[in-house]
């Protein structure tokens, strides 16, 4: 079974969070409390004067509110303005978000070089998301020459901070021997760390390693466990593999109805192998 590697999707405007300052600032605590209580009008009223006075965290938070349309009409250009001001002061979260806006062409012309510059600034300050995105750009040769060694460097830094996507991709690189000597035990370590955080690709790959006995003794029950976790999140390949294990009684009691259920779920997503397995089951009268 092939190992999978999937980039993290940056859901701009959906996964943003407000920052809290290290020391109390008059008006900020009130604004943050109002935000938590979903009183966005008050939050905006408290953050805006601070942002205009040059407070970087208030500028970032104001950008977030315009980005999400909280207490104001959603406005990418206004969000961009405040993110830029915060980023110029060295705010790593703003640098990361601004980098993502340039990478995906949100409210600005798509510009990989500008994205890389901003990611590097945020990554150098320890921002795990920026480290991860920087690694992806090096791995895929996006705006820079493709460089597995540089990708590994940034994946490792993000993975060490607990970023599940970085852990999963680092595991894939060890499993494939991409930029490093192939090492299934090291791959297993990173897949497991990501899998327990719910990363679906890591769960699938962990299931595959137990099924194939790569880096661990072959263990079909453990394989079923991880395939099931990924399958329940809608991962088609895991659904199909789980169907196979029920169909042949590998790690579970043979159960054609359960096999059919998982094949159907994968087939509905257009997964060809599951569609083929369903045809075989129907041809053999296993309905």
C-alpha atoms as a PDB file:
ATOM      1  CA  UNK A   1       0.000   0.000   0.000  1.00  0.00           C
ATOM      2  CA  UNK A   2       1.295   3.430  -0.909  1.00  0.00           C
ATOM      3  CA  UNK A   3       1.980   6.061   1.681  1.00  0.00           C
ATOM      4  CA  UNK A   4       0.001   9.235   1.276  1.00  0.00           C
ATOM      5  CA  UNK A   5       1.047  12.822   1.769  1.00  0.00           C
ATOM      6  CA  UNK A   6      -1.446  15.645   1.676  1.00  0.00           C
ATOM      7  CA  UNK A   7      -0.810  19.366   2.087  1.00  0.00           C
ATOM      8  CA  UNK A   8      -2.578  21.250   4.826  1.00  0.00           C
ATOM      9  CA  UNK A   9      -5.352  23.461   3.490  1.00  0.00           C
ATOM     10  CA  UNK A  10      -5.241  26.962   4.867  1.00  0.00           C
ATOM     11  CA  UNK A  11      -8.843  27.919   5.595  1.00  0.00           C
ATOM     12  CA  UNK A  12      -8.305  31.660   5.718  1.00  0.00           C
ATOM     13  CA  UNK A  13     -10.932  33.428   7.764  1.00  0.00           C
ATOM     14  CA  UNK A  14     -12.105  30.173   9.362  1.00  0.00           C
ATOM     15  CA  UNK A  15      -9.275  28.979  11.589  1.00  0.00           C
ATOM     16  CA  UNK A  16      -8.039  32.312  12.901  1.00  0.00           C
ATOM     17  CA  UNK A  17      -7.870  33.013  16.620  1.00  0.00           C
ATOM     18  CA  UNK A  18      -7.370  36.161  18.634  1.00  0.00           C
ATOM     19  CA  UNK A  19      -4.111  36.776  20.444  1.00  0.00           C
ATOM     20  CA  UNK A  20      -3.816  37.742  24.106  1.00  0.00           C
ATOM     21  CA  UNK A  21      -1.065  40.211  25.131  1.00  0.00           C
ATOM     22  CA  UNK A  22       1.593  39.241  27.649  1.00  0.00           C
ATOM     23  CA  UNK A  23       0.701  42.203  29.833  1.00  0.00           C
ATOM     24  CA  UNK A  24      -2.641  43.856  30.491  1.00  0.00           C
ATOM     25  CA  UNK A  25      -3.479  46.795  28.236  1.00  0.00           C
ATOM     26  CA  UNK A  26      -6.295  49.181  29.059  1.00  0.00           C
ATOM     27  CA  UNK A  27      -9.227  48.253  26.874  1.00  0.00           C
ATOM     28  CA  UNK A  28      -7.692  45.059  25.560  1.00  0.00           C
ATOM     29  CA  UNK A  29      -8.922  42.775  28.325  1.00  0.00           C
ATOM     30  CA  UNK A  30     -12.405  44.202  27.909  1.00  0.00           C
ATOM     31  CA  UNK A  31     -12.223  43.646  24.168  1.00  0.00           C
ATOM     32  CA  UNK A  32     -11.051  40.075  24.530  1.00  0.00           C
ATOM     33  CA  UNK A  33     -13.733  39.301  27.120  1.00  0.00           C
ATOM     34  CA  UNK A  34     -16.377  40.778  24.827  1.00  0.00           C
ATOM     35  CA  UNK A  35     -15.064  38.686  21.918  1.00  0.00           C
ATOM     36  CA  UNK A  36     -15.287  35.512  23.995  1.00  0.00           C
ATOM     37  CA  UNK A  37     -18.882  36.406  24.856  1.00  0.00           C
ATOM     38  CA  UNK A  38     -19.603  36.985  21.143  1.00  0.00           C
ATOM     39  CA  UNK A  39     -20.197  40.660  21.799  1.00  0.00           C
ATOM     40  CA  UNK A  40     -18.262  41.592  18.687  1.00  0.00           C
ATOM     41  CA  UNK A  41     -19.465  45.187  18.557  1.00  0.00           C
ATOM     42  CA  UNK A  42     -17.884  45.904  21.945  1.00  0.00           C
ATOM     43  CA  UNK A  43     -14.748  43.941  21.048  1.00  0.00           C
ATOM     44  CA  UNK A  44     -14.330  46.008  17.911  1.00  0.00           C
ATOM     45  CA  UNK A  45     -14.852  49.232  19.864  1.00  0.00           C
ATOM     46  CA  UNK A  46     -12.091  48.244  22.309  1.00  0.00           C
ATOM     47  CA  UNK A  47      -9.579  46.884  19.786  1.00  0.00           C
ATOM     48  CA  UNK A  48      -9.788  49.638  17.159  1.00  0.00           C
ATOM     49  CA  UNK A  49      -8.351  52.538  19.222  1.00  0.00           C
ATOM     50  CA  UNK A  50      -5.490  50.322  20.398  1.00  0.00           C
ATOM     51  CA  UNK A  51      -4.808  49.175  16.842  1.00  0.00           C
ATOM     52  CA  UNK A  52      -4.762  52.768  15.606  1.00  0.00           C
ATOM     53  CA  UNK A  53      -2.225  53.608  18.324  1.00  0.00           C
ATOM     54  CA  UNK A  54       0.051  50.903  16.967  1.00  0.00           C
ATOM     55  CA  UNK A  55      -0.583  47.915  19.239  1.00  0.00           C
ATOM     56  CA  UNK A  56       0.413  44.929  17.092  1.00  0.00           C
ATOM     57  CA  UNK A  57      -1.775  42.365  18.832  1.00  0.00           C
ATOM     58  CA  UNK A  58      -4.823  44.613  18.596  1.00  0.00           C
ATOM     59  CA  UNK A  59      -4.004  45.135  14.896  1.00  0.00           C
ATOM     60  CA  UNK A  60      -3.839  41.388  14.348  1.00  0.00           C
ATOM     61  CA  UNK A  61      -7.104  40.850  16.231  1.00  0.00           C
ATOM     62  CA  UNK A  62      -8.799  43.599  14.257  1.00  0.00           C
ATOM     63  CA  UNK A  63      -7.587  41.922  11.069  1.00  0.00           C
ATOM     64  CA  UNK A  64      -9.086  38.666  12.284  1.00  0.00           C
ATOM     65  CA  UNK A  65     -12.458  40.278  12.920  1.00  0.00           C
ATOM     66  CA  UNK A  66     -12.571  41.806   9.444  1.00  0.00           C
ATOM     67  CA  UNK A  67     -11.356  38.497   7.999  1.00  0.00           C
ATOM     68  CA  UNK A  68     -14.195  36.610   9.699  1.00  0.00           C
ATOM     69  CA  UNK A  69     -16.806  39.348   9.432  1.00  0.00           C
ATOM     70  CA  UNK A  70     -17.322  39.532  13.199  1.00  0.00           C
ATOM     71  CA  UNK A  71     -18.953  42.764  14.336  1.00  0.00           C
ATOM     72  CA  UNK A  72     -18.272  44.241  10.890  1.00  0.00           C
ATOM     73  CA  UNK A  73     -19.012  43.368   7.286  1.00  0.00           C
ATOM     74  CA  UNK A  74     -16.450  40.810   6.084  1.00  0.00           C
ATOM     75  CA  UNK A  75     -13.742  42.794   4.306  1.00  0.00           C
ATOM     76  CA  UNK A  76     -10.568  41.163   2.961  1.00  0.00           C
ATOM     77  CA  UNK A  77      -8.957  44.495   2.102  1.00  0.00           C
ATOM     78  CA  UNK A  78      -9.493  45.891   5.593  1.00  0.00           C
ATOM     79  CA  UNK A  79      -8.231  42.633   7.129  1.00  0.00           C
ATOM     80  CA  UNK A  80      -5.161  42.863   4.885  1.00  0.00           C
ATOM     81  CA  UNK A  81      -4.487  46.431   6.059  1.00  0.00           C
ATOM     82  CA  UNK A  82      -4.412  45.461   9.740  1.00  0.00           C
ATOM     83  CA  UNK A  83      -2.462  42.248   9.173  1.00  0.00           C
ATOM     84  CA  UNK A  84       0.165  44.248   7.277  1.00  0.00           C
ATOM     85  CA  UNK A  85       0.533  46.736  10.118  1.00  0.00           C
ATOM     86  CA  UNK A  86       0.922  43.941  12.686  1.00  0.00           C
ATOM     87  CA  UNK A  87       3.303  41.970  10.461  1.00  0.00           C
ATOM     88  CA  UNK A  88       5.493  45.039   9.924  1.00  0.00           C
ATOM     89  CA  UNK A  89       5.952  45.172  13.705  1.00  0.00           C
ATOM     90  CA  UNK A  90       7.124  41.567  13.721  1.00  0.00           C
ATOM     91  CA  UNK A  91       3.939  39.827  14.834  1.00  0.00           C
ATOM     92  CA  UNK A  92       4.484  36.202  13.782  1.00  0.00           C
ATOM     93  CA  UNK A  93       0.800  35.274  13.554  1.00  0.00           C
ATOM     94  CA  UNK A  94       0.131  38.230  11.261  1.00  0.00           C
ATOM     95  CA  UNK A  95       3.178  37.354   9.164  1.00  0.00           C
ATOM     96  CA  UNK A  96       1.895  33.808   8.762  1.00  0.00           C
ATOM     97  CA  UNK A  97      -1.636  34.851   7.764  1.00  0.00           C
ATOM     98  CA  UNK A  98      -0.295  37.516   5.404  1.00  0.00           C
ATOM     99  CA  UNK A  99       2.014  34.901   3.870  1.00  0.00           C
ATOM    100  CA  UNK A 100      -0.956  32.603   3.300  1.00  0.00           C
ATOM    101  CA  UNK A 101      -2.859  35.446   1.659  1.00  0.00           C
ATOM    102  CA  UNK A 102      -0.004  35.930  -0.799  1.00  0.00           C
ATOM    103  CA  UNK A 103       0.384  32.199  -1.378  1.00  0.00           C
ATOM    104  CA  UNK A 104      -3.288  31.786  -2.285  1.00  0.00           C
ATOM    105  CA  UNK A 105      -3.919  35.207  -3.803  1.00  0.00           C
ATOM    106  CA  UNK A 106      -6.485  36.359  -1.259  1.00  0.00           C
ATOM    107  CA  UNK A 107      -7.035  40.144  -1.476  1.00  0.00           C
ATOM    108  CA  UNK A 108      -3.575  40.440  -3.072  1.00  0.00           C
ATOM    109  CA  UNK A 109      -2.014  39.191  -6.317  1.00  0.00           C
ATOM    110  CA  UNK A 110      -0.683  35.652  -5.864  1.00  0.00           C
ATOM    111  CA  UNK A 111       3.009  35.996  -5.030  1.00  0.00           C
ATOM    112  CA  UNK A 112       4.990  32.972  -3.847  1.00  0.00           C
ATOM    113  CA  UNK A 113       8.146  34.988  -3.201  1.00  0.00           C
ATOM    114  CA  UNK A 114       6.322  37.358  -0.881  1.00  0.00           C
ATOM    115  CA  UNK A 115       4.635  34.386   0.812  1.00  0.00           C
ATOM    116  CA  UNK A 116       8.024  32.737   1.359  1.00  0.00           C
ATOM    117  CA  UNK A 117       9.502  35.911   2.797  1.00  0.00           C
ATOM    118  CA  UNK A 118       6.676  36.259   5.310  1.00  0.00           C
ATOM    119  CA  UNK A 119       6.632  32.557   6.197  1.00  0.00           C
ATOM    120  CA  UNK A 120      10.381  32.685   6.849  1.00  0.00           C
ATOM    121  CA  UNK A 121       9.974  35.638   9.206  1.00  0.00           C
ATOM    122  CA  UNK A 122       7.195  33.928  11.142  1.00  0.00           C
ATOM    123  CA  UNK A 123       8.947  30.537  11.062  1.00  0.00           C
ATOM    124  CA  UNK A 124      12.140  32.057  12.471  1.00  0.00           C
ATOM    125  CA  UNK A 125      10.072  33.191  15.450  1.00  0.00           C
ATOM    126  CA  UNK A 126       8.830  29.636  15.995  1.00  0.00           C
ATOM    127  CA  UNK A 127       5.391  29.864  14.359  1.00  0.00           C
ATOM    128  CA  UNK A 128       4.624  26.188  13.656  1.00  0.00           C
ATOM    129  CA  UNK A 129       2.060  26.848  10.925  1.00  0.00           C
ATOM    130  CA  UNK A 130       4.549  29.035   9.046  1.00  0.00           C
ATOM    131  CA  UNK A 131       7.226  26.367   9.474  1.00  0.00           C
ATOM    132  CA  UNK A 132       4.842  23.787   8.036  1.00  0.00           C
ATOM    133  CA  UNK A 133       3.832  25.908   5.050  1.00  0.00           C
ATOM    134  CA  UNK A 134       7.464  26.771   4.375  1.00  0.00           C
ATOM    135  CA  UNK A 135       8.284  23.047   4.372  1.00  0.00           C
ATOM    136  CA  UNK A 136       5.468  22.397   1.883  1.00  0.00           C
ATOM    137  CA  UNK A 137       6.758  25.080  -0.445  1.00  0.00           C
ATOM    138  CA  UNK A 138      10.256  23.572  -0.405  1.00  0.00           C
ATOM    139  CA  UNK A 139       8.931  20.045  -0.859  1.00  0.00           C
ATOM    140  CA  UNK A 140       6.753  21.049  -3.805  1.00  0.00           C
ATOM    141  CA  UNK A 141       9.181  23.540  -5.337  1.00  0.00           C
ATOM    142  CA  UNK A 142       6.624  26.316  -4.988  1.00  0.00           C
ATOM    143  CA  UNK A 143       8.389  29.656  -5.419  1.00  0.00           C
ATOM    144  CA  UNK A 144      11.749  28.025  -4.632  1.00  0.00           C
ATOM    145  CA  UNK A 145      13.807  25.198  -6.134  1.00  0.00           C
ATOM    146  CA  UNK A 146      12.496  21.859  -4.825  1.00  0.00           C
ATOM    147  CA  UNK A 147      14.583  20.912  -1.792  1.00  0.00           C
ATOM    148  CA  UNK A 148      13.762  17.881   0.371  1.00  0.00           C
ATOM    149  CA  UNK A 149      16.488  18.690   2.900  1.00  0.00           C
ATOM    150  CA  UNK A 150      15.094  22.160   3.517  1.00  0.00           C
ATOM    151  CA  UNK A 151      11.566  20.736   3.671  1.00  0.00           C
ATOM    152  CA  UNK A 152      12.683  18.210   6.284  1.00  0.00           C
ATOM    153  CA  UNK A 153      14.288  20.945   8.366  1.00  0.00           C
ATOM    154  CA  UNK A 154      11.048  22.914   8.615  1.00  0.00           C
ATOM    155  CA  UNK A 155       8.809  19.847   9.006  1.00  0.00           C
ATOM    156  CA  UNK A 156      10.960  18.751  11.936  1.00  0.00           C
ATOM    157  CA  UNK A 157      10.674  22.124  13.647  1.00  0.00           C
ATOM    158  CA  UNK A 158       6.886  22.207  13.235  1.00  0.00           C
ATOM    159  CA  UNK A 159       6.537  18.531  14.179  1.00  0.00           C
ATOM    160  CA  UNK A 160       8.550  19.081  17.362  1.00  0.00           C
ATOM    161  CA  UNK A 161       5.936  21.671  18.357  1.00  0.00           C
ATOM    162  CA  UNK A 162       3.176  19.101  17.908  1.00  0.00           C
ATOM    163  CA  UNK A 163       1.863  20.126  14.480  1.00  0.00           C
ATOM    164  CA  UNK A 164       0.044  16.963  13.365  1.00  0.00           C
ATOM    165  CA  UNK A 165       0.247  17.669   9.629  1.00  0.00           C
ATOM    166  CA  UNK A 166       4.005  18.221   9.896  1.00  0.00           C
ATOM    167  CA  UNK A 167       4.353  15.003  11.899  1.00  0.00           C
ATOM    168  CA  UNK A 168       2.390  13.101   9.261  1.00  0.00           C
ATOM    169  CA  UNK A 169       4.402  14.492   6.353  1.00  0.00           C
ATOM    170  CA  UNK A 170       7.659  13.871   8.193  1.00  0.00           C
ATOM    171  CA  UNK A 171       6.555  10.264   8.680  1.00  0.00           C
ATOM    172  CA  UNK A 172       5.822   9.975   4.963  1.00  0.00           C
ATOM    173  CA  UNK A 173       9.298  11.238   4.079  1.00  0.00           C
ATOM    174  CA  UNK A 174      10.919   8.654   6.355  1.00  0.00           C
ATOM    175  CA  UNK A 175       8.660   5.904   4.987  1.00  0.00           C
ATOM    176  CA  UNK A 176       9.563   6.777   1.402  1.00  0.00           C
ATOM    177  CA  UNK A 177      13.218   7.551   2.021  1.00  0.00           C
ATOM    178  CA  UNK A 178      12.622  11.061   0.669  1.00  0.00           C
ATOM    179  CA  UNK A 179      15.538  13.304   1.606  1.00  0.00           C
ATOM    180  CA  UNK A 180      16.529  10.843   4.345  1.00  0.00           C
ATOM    181  CA  UNK A 181      17.443   7.151   4.446  1.00  0.00           C
ATOM    182  CA  UNK A 182      14.256   5.071   4.539  1.00  0.00           C
ATOM    183  CA  UNK A 183      13.428   4.336   8.166  1.00  0.00           C
ATOM    184  CA  UNK A 184      10.106   2.662   8.964  1.00  0.00           C
ATOM    185  CA  UNK A 185      10.575   2.926  12.728  1.00  0.00           C
ATOM    186  CA  UNK A 186      11.078   6.678  12.523  1.00  0.00           C
ATOM    187  CA  UNK A 187       8.119   6.915  10.145  1.00  0.00           C
ATOM    188  CA  UNK A 188       5.993   4.933  12.589  1.00  0.00           C
ATOM    189  CA  UNK A 189       6.941   7.265  15.439  1.00  0.00           C
ATOM    190  CA  UNK A 190       5.773  10.361  13.571  1.00  0.00           C
ATOM    191  CA  UNK A 191       2.659   8.733  12.139  1.00  0.00           C
ATOM    192  CA  UNK A 192       1.614   7.651  15.614  1.00  0.00           C
ATOM    193  CA  UNK A 193       2.088  11.132  17.075  1.00  0.00           C
ATOM    194  CA  UNK A 194      -0.050  12.623  14.298  1.00  0.00           C
ATOM    195  CA  UNK A 195      -2.611   9.804  14.337  1.00  0.00           C
ATOM    196  CA  UNK A 196      -3.467  10.224  18.012  1.00  0.00           C
ATOM    197  CA  UNK A 197      -4.222  13.872  17.230  1.00  0.00           C
ATOM    198  CA  UNK A 198      -6.745  12.721  14.631  1.00  0.00           C
ATOM    199  CA  UNK A 199      -4.697  13.277  11.466  1.00  0.00           C
ATOM    200  CA  UNK A 200      -6.482  11.083   8.928  1.00  0.00           C
ATOM    201  CA  UNK A 201      -3.502  10.504   6.613  1.00  0.00           C
ATOM    202  CA  UNK A 202      -1.321   9.434   9.540  1.00  0.00           C
ATOM    203  CA  UNK A 203      -4.067   7.088  10.728  1.00  0.00           C
ATOM    204  CA  UNK A 204      -4.278   5.508   7.278  1.00  0.00           C
ATOM    205  CA  UNK A 205      -0.495   5.166   7.009  1.00  0.00           C
ATOM    206  CA  UNK A 206      -0.270   3.694  10.498  1.00  0.00           C
ATOM    207  CA  UNK A 207      -2.919   1.147   9.514  1.00  0.00           C
ATOM    208  CA  UNK A 208      -0.935   0.283   6.398  1.00  0.00           C
ATOM    209  CA  UNK A 209       2.298  -0.174   8.364  1.00  0.00           C
ATOM    210  CA  UNK A 210       0.651  -2.579  10.805  1.00  0.00           C
ATOM    211  CA  UNK A 211      -0.984  -4.463   7.934  1.00  0.00           C
ATOM    212  CA  UNK A 212       2.325  -4.785   6.088  1.00  0.00           C
ATOM    213  CA  UNK A 213       4.563  -5.293   9.140  1.00  0.00           C
ATOM    214  CA  UNK A 214       6.701  -2.254   8.299  1.00  0.00           C
ATOM    215  CA  UNK A 215       8.676  -1.092  11.316  1.00  0.00           C
ATOM    216  CA  UNK A 216       6.450  -3.205  13.590  1.00  0.00           C
ATOM    217  CA  UNK A 217       5.368  -6.839  13.804  1.00  0.00           C
ATOM    218  CA  UNK A 218       2.410  -7.410  11.488  1.00  0.00           C
ATOM    219  CA  UNK A 219      -0.768  -6.837  13.483  1.00  0.00           C
ATOM    220  CA  UNK A 220      -4.087  -6.883  11.635  1.00  0.00           C
ATOM    221  CA  UNK A 221      -6.134  -5.916  14.700  1.00  0.00           C
ATOM    222  CA  UNK A 222      -4.052  -2.794  15.174  1.00  0.00           C
ATOM    223  CA  UNK A 223      -4.324  -2.119  11.454  1.00  0.00           C
ATOM    224  CA  UNK A 224      -8.124  -2.359  11.610  1.00  0.00           C
ATOM    225  CA  UNK A 225      -8.148   0.052  14.562  1.00  0.00           C
ATOM    226  CA  UNK A 226      -6.344   2.795  12.631  1.00  0.00           C
ATOM    227  CA  UNK A 227      -8.152   2.189   9.337  1.00  0.00           C
ATOM    228  CA  UNK A 228     -11.430   2.493  11.232  1.00  0.00           C
ATOM    229  CA  UNK A 229     -10.454   5.829  12.796  1.00  0.00           C
ATOM    230  CA  UNK A 230      -9.563   7.246   9.399  1.00  0.00           C
ATOM    231  CA  UNK A 231     -12.583   5.631   7.723  1.00  0.00           C
ATOM    232  CA  UNK A 232     -14.926   7.218  10.254  1.00  0.00           C
ATOM    233  CA  UNK A 233     -13.523  10.588   9.195  1.00  0.00           C
ATOM    234  CA  UNK A 234     -14.490   9.821   5.597  1.00  0.00           C
ATOM    235  CA  UNK A 235     -11.097   8.752   4.213  1.00  0.00           C
ATOM    236  CA  UNK A 236     -11.965   6.693   1.129  1.00  0.00           C
ATOM    237  CA  UNK A 237      -8.798   4.578   0.954  1.00  0.00           C
ATOM    238  CA  UNK A 238      -9.207   3.604   4.618  1.00  0.00           C
ATOM    239  CA  UNK A 239     -12.868   2.781   4.057  1.00  0.00           C
ATOM    240  CA  UNK A 240     -11.912   0.536   1.155  1.00  0.00           C
ATOM    241  CA  UNK A 241      -9.118  -1.195   3.088  1.00  0.00           C
ATOM    242  CA  UNK A 242     -11.402  -1.702   6.066  1.00  0.00           C
ATOM    243  CA  UNK A 243     -13.939  -3.259   3.694  1.00  0.00           C
ATOM    244  CA  UNK A 244     -11.277  -5.681   2.455  1.00  0.00           C
ATOM    245  CA  UNK A 245     -10.409  -6.718   5.992  1.00  0.00           C
ATOM    246  CA  UNK A 246     -14.055  -7.451   6.794  1.00  0.00           C
ATOM    247  CA  UNK A 247     -14.489  -9.292   3.502  1.00  0.00           C
ATOM    248  CA  UNK A 248     -11.606 -11.683   4.174  1.00  0.00           C
ATOM    249  CA  UNK A 249     -11.788 -11.740   7.988  1.00  0.00           C
ATOM    250  CA  UNK A 250      -8.389 -10.169   8.575  1.00  0.00           C
ATOM    251  CA  UNK A 251      -8.094  -8.729  12.097  1.00  0.00           C
ATOM    252  CA  UNK A 252     -11.889  -8.953  12.455  1.00  0.00           C
ATOM    253  CA  UNK A 253     -14.568 -11.599  12.138  1.00  0.00           C
ATOM    254  CA  UNK A 254     -15.510 -11.991   8.472  1.00  0.00           C
ATOM    255  CA  UNK A 255     -18.619  -9.925   7.831  1.00  0.00           C
ATOM    256  CA  UNK A 256     -19.807  -9.298   4.271  1.00  0.00           C
ATOM    257  CA  UNK A 257     -22.441  -6.764   5.303  1.00  0.00           C
ATOM    258  CA  UNK A 258     -19.863  -4.696   7.136  1.00  0.00           C
ATOM    259  CA  UNK A 259     -17.488  -5.040   4.179  1.00  0.00           C
ATOM    260  CA  UNK A 260     -20.221  -3.881   1.820  1.00  0.00           C
ATOM    261  CA  UNK A 261     -20.965  -0.876   4.050  1.00  0.00           C
ATOM    262  CA  UNK A 262     -17.372   0.385   3.892  1.00  0.00           C
ATOM    263  CA  UNK A 263     -16.980  -0.371   0.181  1.00  0.00           C
ATOM    264  CA  UNK A 264     -20.155   1.603  -0.530  1.00  0.00           C
ATOM    265  CA  UNK A 265     -18.915   4.596   1.441  1.00  0.00           C
ATOM    266  CA  UNK A 266     -15.619   4.615  -0.443  1.00  0.00           C
ATOM    267  CA  UNK A 267     -17.306   3.936  -3.790  1.00  0.00           C
ATOM    268  CA  UNK A 268     -19.642   6.898  -3.256  1.00  0.00           C
ATOM    269  CA  UNK A 269     -16.519   9.074  -3.186  1.00  0.00           C
ATOM    270  CA  UNK A 270     -15.446   7.671  -6.550  1.00  0.00           C
ATOM    271  CA  UNK A 271     -12.799   5.311  -5.169  1.00  0.00           C
ATOM    272  CA  UNK A 272     -12.329   2.824  -8.026  1.00  0.00           C
ATOM    273  CA  UNK A 273     -10.919  -0.067  -5.994  1.00  0.00           C
ATOM    274  CA  UNK A 274     -13.955  -0.058  -3.697  1.00  0.00           C
ATOM    275  CA  UNK A 275     -16.294   0.073  -6.695  1.00  0.00           C
ATOM    276  CA  UNK A 276     -14.516  -2.954  -8.157  1.00  0.00           C
ATOM    277  CA  UNK A 277     -14.710  -4.845  -4.847  1.00  0.00           C
ATOM    278  CA  UNK A 278     -18.437  -4.129  -4.626  1.00  0.00           C
ATOM    279  CA  UNK A 279     -18.899  -5.586  -8.117  1.00  0.00           C
ATOM    280  CA  UNK A 280     -17.046  -8.743  -7.041  1.00  0.00           C
ATOM    281  CA  UNK A 281     -19.194  -9.064  -3.910  1.00  0.00           C
ATOM    282  CA  UNK A 282     -22.411  -8.682  -5.905  1.00  0.00           C
ATOM    283  CA  UNK A 283     -21.211 -11.179  -8.517  1.00  0.00           C
ATOM    284  CA  UNK A 284     -20.534 -13.707  -5.758  1.00  0.00           C
ATOM    285  CA  UNK A 285     -23.933 -13.122  -4.141  1.00  0.00           C
ATOM    286  CA  UNK A 286     -22.558 -11.348  -1.071  1.00  0.00           C
ATOM    287  CA  UNK A 287     -25.185  -8.645  -0.566  1.00  0.00           C
END
